Amino acid sequence: MDGHSSHVNIEFVKFCWLKKIIPIYLPPHSTHLLQLLDLVIFLVLKRLYLSKVNKFAACGITGINRDYFLRILSEIRPQVYTSELIRSAFKAIGLLPFNPN
């Protein structure tokens, strides 16, 4: 979380406490540097999704409705959400291993 006051209230803190969730607050004005999802995970997701859409288009399917979207997502999700890719996302932003530069 970026630490904005609207994101933190007593209900939120209680919820986290009960669910054993440890919220992580990012330094102000740094989220653009620390968006590990945008830098790695979503980049790979977008690339794989586009590849699948192009295959559908090559078969004459020109519109991707909810059913096609969910089908594509279920096919590519195992390739995206892997421990290796998640680790590489943390490495790309310098959090694992920690790199303050």
PDB file of N, CA and C in Angstrom:
ATOM      1  N   MET A   1       0.849  -1.182   0.000  1.00  0.00           N
ATOM      2  CA  MET A   1       0.000   0.000   0.000  1.00  0.00           C
ATOM      3  C   MET A   1       0.882   1.228   0.000  1.00  0.00           C
ATOM      4  N   ASP A   2       0.345   2.297  -0.514  1.00  0.00           N
ATOM      5  CA  ASP A   2       1.167   3.501  -0.627  1.00  0.00           C
ATOM      6  C   ASP A   2       1.074   4.405   0.596  1.00  0.00           C
ATOM      7  N   GLY A   3       0.383   3.987   1.641  1.00  0.00           N
ATOM      8  CA  GLY A   3       0.352   4.753   2.868  1.00  0.00           C
ATOM      9  C   GLY A   3      -0.646   5.890   2.889  1.00  0.00           C
ATOM     10  N   HIS A   4      -1.458   6.041   1.857  1.00  0.00           N
ATOM     11  CA  HIS A   4      -2.449   7.113   1.843  1.00  0.00           C
ATOM     12  C   HIS A   4      -3.430   6.912   2.996  1.00  0.00           C
ATOM     13  N   SER A   5      -3.791   7.984   3.654  1.00  0.00           N
ATOM     14  CA  SER A   5      -4.632   7.882   4.852  1.00  0.00           C
ATOM     15  C   SER A   5      -5.983   7.233   4.578  1.00  0.00           C
ATOM     16  N   SER A   6      -6.477   7.324   3.359  1.00  0.00           N
ATOM     17  CA  SER A   6      -7.768   6.704   3.053  1.00  0.00           C
ATOM     18  C   SER A   6      -7.682   5.180   3.022  1.00  0.00           C
ATOM     19  N   HIS A   7      -6.489   4.642   2.953  1.00  0.00           N
ATOM     20  CA  HIS A   7      -6.324   3.192   2.889  1.00  0.00           C
ATOM     21  C   HIS A   7      -6.219   2.559   4.266  1.00  0.00           C
ATOM     22  N   VAL A   8      -6.076   3.356   5.290  1.00  0.00           N
ATOM     23  CA  VAL A   8      -5.880   2.812   6.625  1.00  0.00           C
ATOM     24  C   VAL A   8      -6.948   3.364   7.558  1.00  0.00           C
ATOM     25  N   ASN A   9      -7.676   2.464   8.190  1.00  0.00           N
ATOM     26  CA  ASN A   9      -8.638   2.849   9.214  1.00  0.00           C
ATOM     27  C   ASN A   9      -8.739   1.702  10.206  1.00  0.00           C
ATOM     28  N   ILE A  10      -9.444   1.903  11.278  1.00  0.00           N
ATOM     29  CA  ILE A  10      -9.482   0.906  12.348  1.00  0.00           C
ATOM     30  C   ILE A  10     -10.095  -0.409  11.877  1.00  0.00           C
ATOM     31  N   GLU A  11     -11.096  -0.329  11.004  1.00  0.00           N
ATOM     32  CA  GLU A  11     -11.706  -1.562  10.494  1.00  0.00           C
ATOM     33  C   GLU A  11     -10.698  -2.373   9.686  1.00  0.00           C
ATOM     34  N   PHE A  12      -9.925  -1.674   8.892  1.00  0.00           N
ATOM     35  CA  PHE A  12      -8.902  -2.339   8.095  1.00  0.00           C
ATOM     36  C   PHE A  12      -7.861  -3.000   8.992  1.00  0.00           C
ATOM     37  N   VAL A  13      -7.405  -2.286   9.996  1.00  0.00           N
ATOM     38  CA  VAL A  13      -6.403  -2.826  10.915  1.00  0.00           C
ATOM     39  C   VAL A  13      -6.952  -4.055  11.648  1.00  0.00           C
ATOM     40  N   LYS A  14      -8.190  -3.984  12.091  1.00  0.00           N
ATOM     41  CA  LYS A  14      -8.808  -5.130  12.772  1.00  0.00           C
ATOM     42  C   LYS A  14      -8.904  -6.332  11.833  1.00  0.00           C
ATOM     43  N   PHE A  15      -9.334  -6.078  10.605  1.00  0.00           N
ATOM     44  CA  PHE A  15      -9.449  -7.150   9.625  1.00  0.00           C
ATOM     45  C   PHE A  15      -8.095  -7.829   9.425  1.00  0.00           C
ATOM     46  N   CYS A  16      -7.059  -7.024   9.227  1.00  0.00           N
ATOM     47  CA  CYS A  16      -5.718  -7.584   9.024  1.00  0.00           C
ATOM     48  C   CYS A  16      -5.276  -8.393  10.239  1.00  0.00           C
ATOM     49  N   TRP A  17      -5.529  -7.872  11.416  1.00  0.00           N
ATOM     50  CA  TRP A  17      -5.149  -8.558  12.649  1.00  0.00           C
ATOM     51  C   TRP A  17      -5.842  -9.920  12.745  1.00  0.00           C
ATOM     52  N   LEU A  18      -7.138  -9.942  12.503  1.00  0.00           N
ATOM     53  CA  LEU A  18      -7.905 -11.191  12.591  1.00  0.00           C
ATOM     54  C   LEU A  18      -7.487 -12.216  11.545  1.00  0.00           C
ATOM     55  N   LYS A  19      -7.134 -11.754  10.367  1.00  0.00           N
ATOM     56  CA  LYS A  19      -6.762 -12.655   9.273  1.00  0.00           C
ATOM     57  C   LYS A  19      -5.260 -12.930   9.212  1.00  0.00           C
ATOM     58  N   LYS A  20      -4.525 -12.385  10.204  1.00  0.00           N
ATOM     59  CA  LYS A  20      -3.065 -12.553  10.251  1.00  0.00           C
ATOM     60  C   LYS A  20      -2.390 -12.036   8.973  1.00  0.00           C
ATOM     61  N   ILE A  21      -2.868 -10.886   8.522  1.00  0.00           N
ATOM     62  CA  ILE A  21      -2.306 -10.230   7.343  1.00  0.00           C
ATOM     63  C   ILE A  21      -1.374  -9.125   7.806  1.00  0.00           C
ATOM     64  N   ILE A  22      -0.209  -9.088   7.225  1.00  0.00           N
ATOM     65  CA  ILE A  22       0.740  -8.018   7.530  1.00  0.00           C
ATOM     66  C   ILE A  22       0.759  -7.071   6.336  1.00  0.00           C
ATOM     67  N   PRO A  23       0.133  -5.908   6.468  1.00  0.00           N
ATOM     68  CA  PRO A  23       0.150  -4.958   5.340  1.00  0.00           C
ATOM     69  C   PRO A  23       1.540  -4.363   5.174  1.00  0.00           C
ATOM     70  N   ILE A  24       1.903  -4.144   3.942  1.00  0.00           N
ATOM     71  CA  ILE A  24       3.199  -3.535   3.649  1.00  0.00           C
ATOM     72  C   ILE A  24       2.948  -2.158   3.052  1.00  0.00           C
ATOM     73  N   TYR A  25       3.520  -1.160   3.680  1.00  0.00           N
ATOM     74  CA  TYR A  25       3.372   0.210   3.212  1.00  0.00           C
ATOM     75  C   TYR A  25       4.615   0.608   2.447  1.00  0.00           C
ATOM     76  N   LEU A  26       4.408   1.125   1.264  1.00  0.00           N
ATOM     77  CA  LEU A  26       5.520   1.578   0.442  1.00  0.00           C
ATOM     78  C   LEU A  26       5.812   3.043   0.729  1.00  0.00           C
ATOM     79  N   PRO A  27       7.051   3.462   0.565  1.00  0.00           N
ATOM     80  CA  PRO A  27       7.388   4.869   0.798  1.00  0.00           C
ATOM     81  C   PRO A  27       6.587   5.781  -0.138  1.00  0.00           C
ATOM     82  N   PRO A  28       6.215   6.962   0.351  1.00  0.00           N
ATOM     83  CA  PRO A  28       5.463   7.889  -0.496  1.00  0.00           C
ATOM     84  C   PRO A  28       6.199   8.199  -1.799  1.00  0.00           C
ATOM     85  N   HIS A  29       5.454   8.355  -2.851  1.00  0.00           N
ATOM     86  CA  HIS A  29       5.973   8.737  -4.169  1.00  0.00           C
ATOM     87  C   HIS A  29       6.986   7.741  -4.725  1.00  0.00           C
ATOM     88  N   SER A  30       6.870   6.468  -4.329  1.00  0.00           N
ATOM     89  CA  SER A  30       7.809   5.464  -4.841  1.00  0.00           C
ATOM     90  C   SER A  30       7.102   4.279  -5.489  1.00  0.00           C
ATOM     91  N   THR A  31       5.785   4.282  -5.480  1.00  0.00           N
ATOM     92  CA  THR A  31       5.081   3.101  -5.984  1.00  0.00           C
ATOM     93  C   THR A  31       5.384   2.838  -7.457  1.00  0.00           C
ATOM     94  N   HIS A  32       5.644   3.882  -8.233  1.00  0.00           N
ATOM     95  CA  HIS A  32       5.962   3.657  -9.649  1.00  0.00           C
ATOM     96  C   HIS A  32       7.268   2.883  -9.815  1.00  0.00           C
ATOM     97  N   LEU A  33       8.159   2.973  -8.828  1.00  0.00           N
ATOM     98  CA  LEU A  33       9.416   2.237  -8.874  1.00  0.00           C
ATOM     99  C   LEU A  33       9.275   0.820  -8.337  1.00  0.00           C
ATOM    100  N   LEU A  34       8.257   0.592  -7.534  1.00  0.00           N
ATOM    101  CA  LEU A  34       8.127  -0.677  -6.832  1.00  0.00           C
ATOM    102  C   LEU A  34       6.954  -1.523  -7.299  1.00  0.00           C
ATOM    103  N   GLN A  35       6.468  -1.244  -8.463  1.00  0.00           N
ATOM    104  CA  GLN A  35       5.312  -1.980  -8.979  1.00  0.00           C
ATOM    105  C   GLN A  35       5.781  -3.294  -9.585  1.00  0.00           C
ATOM    106  N   LEU A  36       6.088  -4.262  -8.744  1.00  0.00           N
ATOM    107  CA  LEU A  36       6.611  -5.514  -9.268  1.00  0.00           C
ATOM    108  C   LEU A  36       5.615  -6.228 -10.163  1.00  0.00           C
ATOM    109  N   LEU A  37       4.322  -6.027  -9.930  1.00  0.00           N
ATOM    110  CA  LEU A  37       3.340  -6.642 -10.823  1.00  0.00           C
ATOM    111  C   LEU A  37       3.436  -6.039 -12.216  1.00  0.00           C
ATOM    112  N   ASP A  38       3.529  -4.716 -12.299  1.00  0.00           N
ATOM    113  CA  ASP A  38       3.591  -4.057 -13.603  1.00  0.00           C
ATOM    114  C   ASP A  38       4.892  -4.366 -14.339  1.00  0.00           C
ATOM    115  N   LEU A  39       5.986  -4.405 -13.600  1.00  0.00           N
ATOM    116  CA  LEU A  39       7.288  -4.569 -14.241  1.00  0.00           C
ATOM    117  C   LEU A  39       7.525  -5.964 -14.788  1.00  0.00           C
ATOM    118  N   VAL A  40       6.960  -6.966 -14.178  1.00  0.00           N
ATOM    119  CA  VAL A  40       7.248  -8.332 -14.611  1.00  0.00           C
ATOM    120  C   VAL A  40       5.968  -9.132 -14.859  1.00  0.00           C
ATOM    121  N   ILE A  41       5.166  -9.306 -13.842  1.00  0.00           N
ATOM    122  CA  ILE A  41       4.028 -10.221 -13.918  1.00  0.00           C
ATOM    123  C   ILE A  41       3.043  -9.804 -15.007  1.00  0.00           C
ATOM    124  N   PHE A  42       2.561  -8.570 -14.960  1.00  0.00           N
ATOM    125  CA  PHE A  42       1.573  -8.134 -15.948  1.00  0.00           C
ATOM    126  C   PHE A  42       2.177  -8.038 -17.351  1.00  0.00           C
ATOM    127  N   LEU A  43       3.459  -7.745 -17.424  1.00  0.00           N
ATOM    128  CA  LEU A  43       4.129  -7.692 -18.722  1.00  0.00           C
ATOM    129  C   LEU A  43       4.077  -9.065 -19.402  1.00  0.00           C
ATOM    130  N   VAL A  44       4.397 -10.102 -18.647  1.00  0.00           N
ATOM    131  CA  VAL A  44       4.337 -11.462 -19.184  1.00  0.00           C
ATOM    132  C   VAL A  44       2.890 -11.845 -19.475  1.00  0.00           C
ATOM    133  N   LEU A  45       1.979 -11.488 -18.582  1.00  0.00           N
ATOM    134  CA  LEU A  45       0.565 -11.786 -18.776  1.00  0.00           C
ATOM    135  C   LEU A  45       0.053 -11.152 -20.063  1.00  0.00           C
ATOM    136  N   LYS A  46       0.383  -9.894 -20.285  1.00  0.00           N
ATOM    137  CA  LYS A  46      -0.053  -9.197 -21.500  1.00  0.00           C
ATOM    138  C   LYS A  46       0.510  -9.849 -22.757  1.00  0.00           C
ATOM    139  N   ARG A  47       1.779 -10.221 -22.704  1.00  0.00           N
ATOM    140  CA  ARG A  47       2.421 -10.834 -23.867  1.00  0.00           C
ATOM    141  C   ARG A  47       1.764 -12.174 -24.217  1.00  0.00           C
ATOM    142  N   LEU A  48       1.544 -13.017 -23.200  1.00  0.00           N
ATOM    143  CA  LEU A  48       0.915 -14.317 -23.442  1.00  0.00           C
ATOM    144  C   LEU A  48      -0.540 -14.161 -23.886  1.00  0.00           C
ATOM    145  N   TYR A  49      -1.243 -13.207 -23.277  1.00  0.00           N
ATOM    146  CA  TYR A  49      -2.640 -12.965 -23.649  1.00  0.00           C
ATOM    147  C   TYR A  49      -2.734 -12.538 -25.117  1.00  0.00           C
ATOM    148  N   LEU A  50      -1.888 -11.600 -25.515  1.00  0.00           N
ATOM    149  CA  LEU A  50      -1.892 -11.128 -26.898  1.00  0.00           C
ATOM    150  C   LEU A  50      -1.591 -12.266 -27.869  1.00  0.00           C
ATOM    151  N   SER A  51      -0.679 -13.129 -27.495  1.00  0.00           N
ATOM    152  CA  SER A  51      -0.350 -14.275 -28.339  1.00  0.00           C
ATOM    153  C   SER A  51      -1.568 -15.171 -28.539  1.00  0.00           C
ATOM    154  N   LYS A  52      -2.307 -15.435 -27.469  1.00  0.00           N
ATOM    155  CA  LYS A  52      -3.516 -16.265 -27.566  1.00  0.00           C
ATOM    156  C   LYS A  52      -4.597 -15.558 -28.387  1.00  0.00           C
ATOM    157  N   VAL A  53      -4.777 -14.264 -28.183  1.00  0.00           N
ATOM    158  CA  VAL A  53      -5.775 -13.509 -28.946  1.00  0.00           C
ATOM    159  C   VAL A  53      -5.436 -13.556 -30.431  1.00  0.00           C
ATOM    160  N   ASN A  54      -4.162 -13.422 -30.745  1.00  0.00           N
ATOM    161  CA  ASN A  54      -3.739 -13.490 -32.150  1.00  0.00           C
ATOM    162  C   ASN A  54      -4.041 -14.860 -32.764  1.00  0.00           C
ATOM    163  N   LYS A  55      -3.903 -15.913 -31.970  1.00  0.00           N
ATOM    164  CA  LYS A  55      -4.236 -17.253 -32.468  1.00  0.00           C
ATOM    165  C   LYS A  55      -5.735 -17.372 -32.738  1.00  0.00           C
ATOM    166  N   PHE A  56      -6.562 -16.799 -31.846  1.00  0.00           N
ATOM    167  CA  PHE A  56      -8.006 -16.790 -32.075  1.00  0.00           C
ATOM    168  C   PHE A  56      -8.330 -15.996 -33.346  1.00  0.00           C
ATOM    169  N   ALA A  57      -7.678 -14.855 -33.507  1.00  0.00           N
ATOM    170  CA  ALA A  57      -7.922 -14.013 -34.681  1.00  0.00           C
ATOM    171  C   ALA A  57      -7.542 -14.746 -35.963  1.00  0.00           C
ATOM    172  N   ALA A  58      -6.464 -15.517 -35.919  1.00  0.00           N
ATOM    173  CA  ALA A  58      -6.037 -16.284 -37.089  1.00  0.00           C
ATOM    174  C   ALA A  58      -7.074 -17.341 -37.475  1.00  0.00           C
ATOM    175  N   CYS A  59      -7.895 -17.742 -36.507  1.00  0.00           N
ATOM    176  CA  CYS A  59      -8.965 -18.721 -36.765  1.00  0.00           C
ATOM    177  C   CYS A  59     -10.284 -18.035 -37.121  1.00  0.00           C
ATOM    178  N   GLY A  60     -10.265 -16.708 -37.256  1.00  0.00           N
ATOM    179  CA  GLY A  60     -11.458 -15.969 -37.639  1.00  0.00           C
ATOM    180  C   GLY A  60     -12.289 -15.443 -36.491  1.00  0.00           C
ATOM    181  N   ILE A  61     -11.828 -15.618 -35.260  1.00  0.00           N
ATOM    182  CA  ILE A  61     -12.554 -15.089 -34.100  1.00  0.00           C
ATOM    183  C   ILE A  61     -12.074 -13.662 -33.872  1.00  0.00           C
ATOM    184  N   THR A  62     -12.942 -12.701 -34.110  1.00  0.00           N
ATOM    185  CA  THR A  62     -12.517 -11.301 -34.069  1.00  0.00           C
ATOM    186  C   THR A  62     -12.932 -10.582 -32.796  1.00  0.00           C
ATOM    187  N   GLY A  63     -13.804 -11.158 -32.011  1.00  0.00           N
ATOM    188  CA  GLY A  63     -14.222 -10.518 -30.764  1.00  0.00           C
ATOM    189  C   GLY A  63     -13.946 -11.433 -29.592  1.00  0.00           C
ATOM    190  N   ILE A  64     -13.357 -10.893 -28.557  1.00  0.00           N
ATOM    191  CA  ILE A  64     -13.069 -11.683 -27.359  1.00  0.00           C
ATOM    192  C   ILE A  64     -14.124 -11.324 -26.317  1.00  0.00           C
ATOM    193  N   ASN A  65     -15.046 -12.238 -26.094  1.00  0.00           N
ATOM    194  CA  ASN A  65     -16.069 -12.012 -25.076  1.00  0.00           C
ATOM    195  C   ASN A  65     -15.585 -12.578 -23.740  1.00  0.00           C
ATOM    196  N   ARG A  66     -16.451 -12.553 -22.756  1.00  0.00           N
ATOM    197  CA  ARG A  66     -16.068 -12.996 -21.412  1.00  0.00           C
ATOM    198  C   ARG A  66     -15.636 -14.466 -21.417  1.00  0.00           C
ATOM    199  N   ASP A  67     -16.340 -15.299 -22.154  1.00  0.00           N
ATOM    200  CA  ASP A  67     -15.987 -16.718 -22.188  1.00  0.00           C
ATOM    201  C   ASP A  67     -14.599 -16.949 -22.770  1.00  0.00           C
ATOM    202  N   TYR A  68     -14.304 -16.266 -23.884  1.00  0.00           N
ATOM    203  CA  TYR A  68     -12.969 -16.392 -24.476  1.00  0.00           C
ATOM    204  C   TYR A  68     -11.901 -15.826 -23.533  1.00  0.00           C
ATOM    205  N   PHE A  69     -12.208 -14.700 -22.928  1.00  0.00           N
ATOM    206  CA  PHE A  69     -11.248 -14.087 -22.000  1.00  0.00           C
ATOM    207  C   PHE A  69     -10.906 -15.056 -20.874  1.00  0.00           C
ATOM    208  N   LEU A  70     -11.936 -15.652 -20.257  1.00  0.00           N
ATOM    209  CA  LEU A  70     -11.697 -16.571 -19.140  1.00  0.00           C
ATOM    210  C   LEU A  70     -10.965 -17.830 -19.606  1.00  0.00           C
ATOM    211  N   ARG A  71     -11.270 -18.276 -20.785  1.00  0.00           N
ATOM    212  CA  ARG A  71     -10.575 -19.437 -21.346  1.00  0.00           C
ATOM    213  C   ARG A  71      -9.094 -19.132 -21.538  1.00  0.00           C
ATOM    214  N   ILE A  72      -8.814 -17.984 -22.123  1.00  0.00           N
ATOM    215  CA  ILE A  72      -7.420 -17.582 -22.335  1.00  0.00           C
ATOM    216  C   ILE A  72      -6.706 -17.432 -20.998  1.00  0.00           C
ATOM    217  N   LEU A  73      -7.352 -16.742 -20.076  1.00  0.00           N
ATOM    218  CA  LEU A  73      -6.738 -16.511 -18.768  1.00  0.00           C
ATOM    219  C   LEU A  73      -6.424 -17.821 -18.062  1.00  0.00           C
ATOM    220  N   SER A  74      -7.346 -18.772 -18.116  1.00  0.00           N
ATOM    221  CA  SER A  74      -7.098 -20.051 -17.445  1.00  0.00           C
ATOM    222  C   SER A  74      -5.949 -20.817 -18.102  1.00  0.00           C
ATOM    223  N   GLU A  75      -5.749 -20.623 -19.397  1.00  0.00           N
ATOM    224  CA  GLU A  75      -4.653 -21.293 -20.091  1.00  0.00           C
ATOM    225  C   GLU A  75      -3.288 -20.679 -19.771  1.00  0.00           C
ATOM    226  N   ILE A  76      -3.243 -19.358 -19.640  1.00  0.00           N
ATOM    227  CA  ILE A  76      -1.940 -18.702 -19.455  1.00  0.00           C
ATOM    228  C   ILE A  76      -1.558 -18.508 -17.997  1.00  0.00           C
ATOM    229  N   ARG A  77      -2.534 -18.540 -17.106  1.00  0.00           N
ATOM    230  CA  ARG A  77      -2.256 -18.269 -15.691  1.00  0.00           C
ATOM    231  C   ARG A  77      -1.158 -19.166 -15.116  1.00  0.00           C
ATOM    232  N   PRO A  78      -1.150 -20.472 -15.389  1.00  0.00           N
ATOM    233  CA  PRO A  78      -0.072 -21.299 -14.824  1.00  0.00           C
ATOM    234  C   PRO A  78       1.330 -20.900 -15.303  1.00  0.00           C
ATOM    235  N   GLN A  79       1.419 -20.259 -16.460  1.00  0.00           N
ATOM    236  CA  GLN A  79       2.719 -19.820 -16.974  1.00  0.00           C
ATOM    237  C   GLN A  79       3.157 -18.489 -16.357  1.00  0.00           C
ATOM    238  N   VAL A  80       2.195 -17.750 -15.823  1.00  0.00           N
ATOM    239  CA  VAL A  80       2.496 -16.411 -15.304  1.00  0.00           C
ATOM    240  C   VAL A  80       2.793 -16.441 -13.813  1.00  0.00           C
ATOM    241  N   TYR A  81       1.943 -17.084 -13.057  1.00  0.00           N
ATOM    242  CA  TYR A  81       2.063 -17.041 -11.601  1.00  0.00           C
ATOM    243  C   TYR A  81       2.894 -18.204 -11.097  1.00  0.00           C
ATOM    244  N   THR A  82       4.175 -18.154 -11.418  1.00  0.00           N
ATOM    245  CA  THR A  82       5.116 -19.170 -10.968  1.00  0.00           C
ATOM    246  C   THR A  82       6.040 -18.553  -9.926  1.00  0.00           C
ATOM    247  N   SER A  83       6.594 -19.397  -9.083  1.00  0.00           N
ATOM    248  CA  SER A  83       7.504 -18.873  -8.062  1.00  0.00           C
ATOM    249  C   SER A  83       8.737 -18.238  -8.705  1.00  0.00           C
ATOM    250  N   GLU A  84       9.184 -18.781  -9.823  1.00  0.00           N
ATOM    251  CA  GLU A  84      10.353 -18.216 -10.498  1.00  0.00           C
ATOM    252  C   GLU A  84      10.071 -16.807 -11.015  1.00  0.00           C
ATOM    253  N   LEU A  85       8.898 -16.632 -11.624  1.00  0.00           N
ATOM    254  CA  LEU A  85       8.557 -15.317 -12.166  1.00  0.00           C
ATOM    255  C   LEU A  85       8.326 -14.306 -11.044  1.00  0.00           C
ATOM    256  N   ILE A  86       7.709 -14.739  -9.976  1.00  0.00           N
ATOM    257  CA  ILE A  86       7.483 -13.842  -8.838  1.00  0.00           C
ATOM    258  C   ILE A  86       8.813 -13.433  -8.225  1.00  0.00           C
ATOM    259  N   ARG A  87       9.726 -14.379  -8.086  1.00  0.00           N
ATOM    260  CA  ARG A  87      11.069 -14.037  -7.580  1.00  0.00           C
ATOM    261  C   ARG A  87      11.769 -13.047  -8.505  1.00  0.00           C
ATOM    262  N   SER A  88      11.623 -13.262  -9.815  1.00  0.00           N
ATOM    263  CA  SER A  88      12.279 -12.349 -10.755  1.00  0.00           C
ATOM    264  C   SER A  88      11.678 -10.955 -10.668  1.00  0.00           C
ATOM    265  N   ALA A  89      10.391 -10.864 -10.325  1.00  0.00           N
ATOM    266  CA  ALA A  89       9.771  -9.549 -10.148  1.00  0.00           C
ATOM    267  C   ALA A  89      10.378  -8.831  -8.947  1.00  0.00           C
ATOM    268  N   PHE A  90      10.549  -9.550  -7.839  1.00  0.00           N
ATOM    269  CA  PHE A  90      11.184  -8.943  -6.669  1.00  0.00           C
ATOM    270  C   PHE A  90      12.630  -8.552  -6.976  1.00  0.00           C
ATOM    271  N   LYS A  91      13.313  -9.366  -7.753  1.00  0.00           N
ATOM    272  CA  LYS A  91      14.697  -9.053  -8.127  1.00  0.00           C
ATOM    273  C   LYS A  91      14.745  -7.833  -9.045  1.00  0.00           C
ATOM    274  N   ALA A  92      13.796  -7.743  -9.976  1.00  0.00           N
ATOM    275  CA  ALA A  92      13.784  -6.640 -10.944  1.00  0.00           C
ATOM    276  C   ALA A  92      13.649  -5.281 -10.275  1.00  0.00           C
ATOM    277  N   ILE A  93      12.940  -5.235  -9.144  1.00  0.00           N
ATOM    278  CA  ILE A  93      12.779  -3.944  -8.462  1.00  0.00           C
ATOM    279  C   ILE A  93      13.765  -3.766  -7.321  1.00  0.00           C
ATOM    280  N   GLY A  94      14.657  -4.750  -7.140  1.00  0.00           N
ATOM    281  CA  GLY A  94      15.727  -4.610  -6.156  1.00  0.00           C
ATOM    282  C   GLY A  94      15.329  -4.936  -4.737  1.00  0.00           C
ATOM    283  N   LEU A  95      14.252  -5.707  -4.551  1.00  0.00           N
ATOM    284  CA  LEU A  95      13.847  -6.058  -3.190  1.00  0.00           C
ATOM    285  C   LEU A  95      14.379  -7.399  -2.738  1.00  0.00           C
ATOM    286  N   LEU A  96      14.768  -8.273  -3.676  1.00  0.00           N
ATOM    287  CA  LEU A  96      15.243  -9.591  -3.310  1.00  0.00           C
ATOM    288  C   LEU A  96      16.305 -10.016  -4.301  1.00  0.00           C
ATOM    289  N   PRO A  97      17.571 -10.025  -3.982  1.00  0.00           N
ATOM    290  CA  PRO A  97      18.126  -9.498  -2.738  1.00  0.00           C
ATOM    291  C   PRO A  97      18.019  -7.978  -2.712  1.00  0.00           C
ATOM    292  N   PHE A  98      17.982  -7.427  -1.535  1.00  0.00           N
ATOM    293  CA  PHE A  98      17.779  -5.986  -1.380  1.00  0.00           C
ATOM    294  C   PHE A  98      18.885  -5.214  -2.080  1.00  0.00           C
ATOM    295  N   ASN A  99      18.472  -4.256  -2.911  1.00  0.00           N
ATOM    296  CA  ASN A  99      19.417  -3.397  -3.614  1.00  0.00           C
ATOM    297  C   ASN A  99      18.865  -1.966  -3.531  1.00  0.00           C
ATOM    298  N   PRO A 100      19.396  -1.147  -2.629  1.00  0.00           N
ATOM    299  CA  PRO A 100      18.854   0.210  -2.443  1.00  0.00           C
ATOM    300  C   PRO A 100      19.026   1.111  -3.646  1.00  0.00           C
ATOM    301  N   ASN A 101      19.866   0.738  -4.612  1.00  0.00           N
ATOM    302  CA  ASN A 101      20.033   1.559  -5.820  1.00  0.00           C
ATOM    303  C   ASN A 101      18.905   1.331  -6.774  1.00  0.00           C
TER     304      ASN A 101
END
